[in-house]
Amino acid sequence: MAKIPTDTWTLQLCLERGWLADLAERRLGRGRISRDYLGFADIIAITREAEPIAIQHTSNSGGNMSARRKKVLASLQAADWARRGGRVLLIAWNANGKCREEDLTAELRG
């Protein structure tokens, strides 16, 4: 089965919303391993109206959304990002290009 292009779809979604966004994760070694920005974000987006947005994206299969949600909520860096005024979004895509989106900001701010 082909890999779902979650990064491409998420960047397109940001563009459609009028956000300036780019990939923030880094590829290590020969690109087989990636390291998220601050350990939790794949994409950083900025808007005119609101705070900067850190986005964790994934496919919505095999419990990926639940696993990423737990990862982000356990991240001290994600909580610090949110407490300093940033938003944190989790976006999960299915194979048909439809997404589920969850704003984790309020939970992280406590």
Foldseek 3Di string as FASTA:
>chain_A
DDAAPFVVLVCVVCVVVVKDKDFQWAAPDPRPDIAHDLRQAGMWIDDPPFAIEGEDEEAPPDCPQVVSVVRLLPRPSNLVCLLVGYWYKYWHHYNVSDIDIDTCSVVSPD
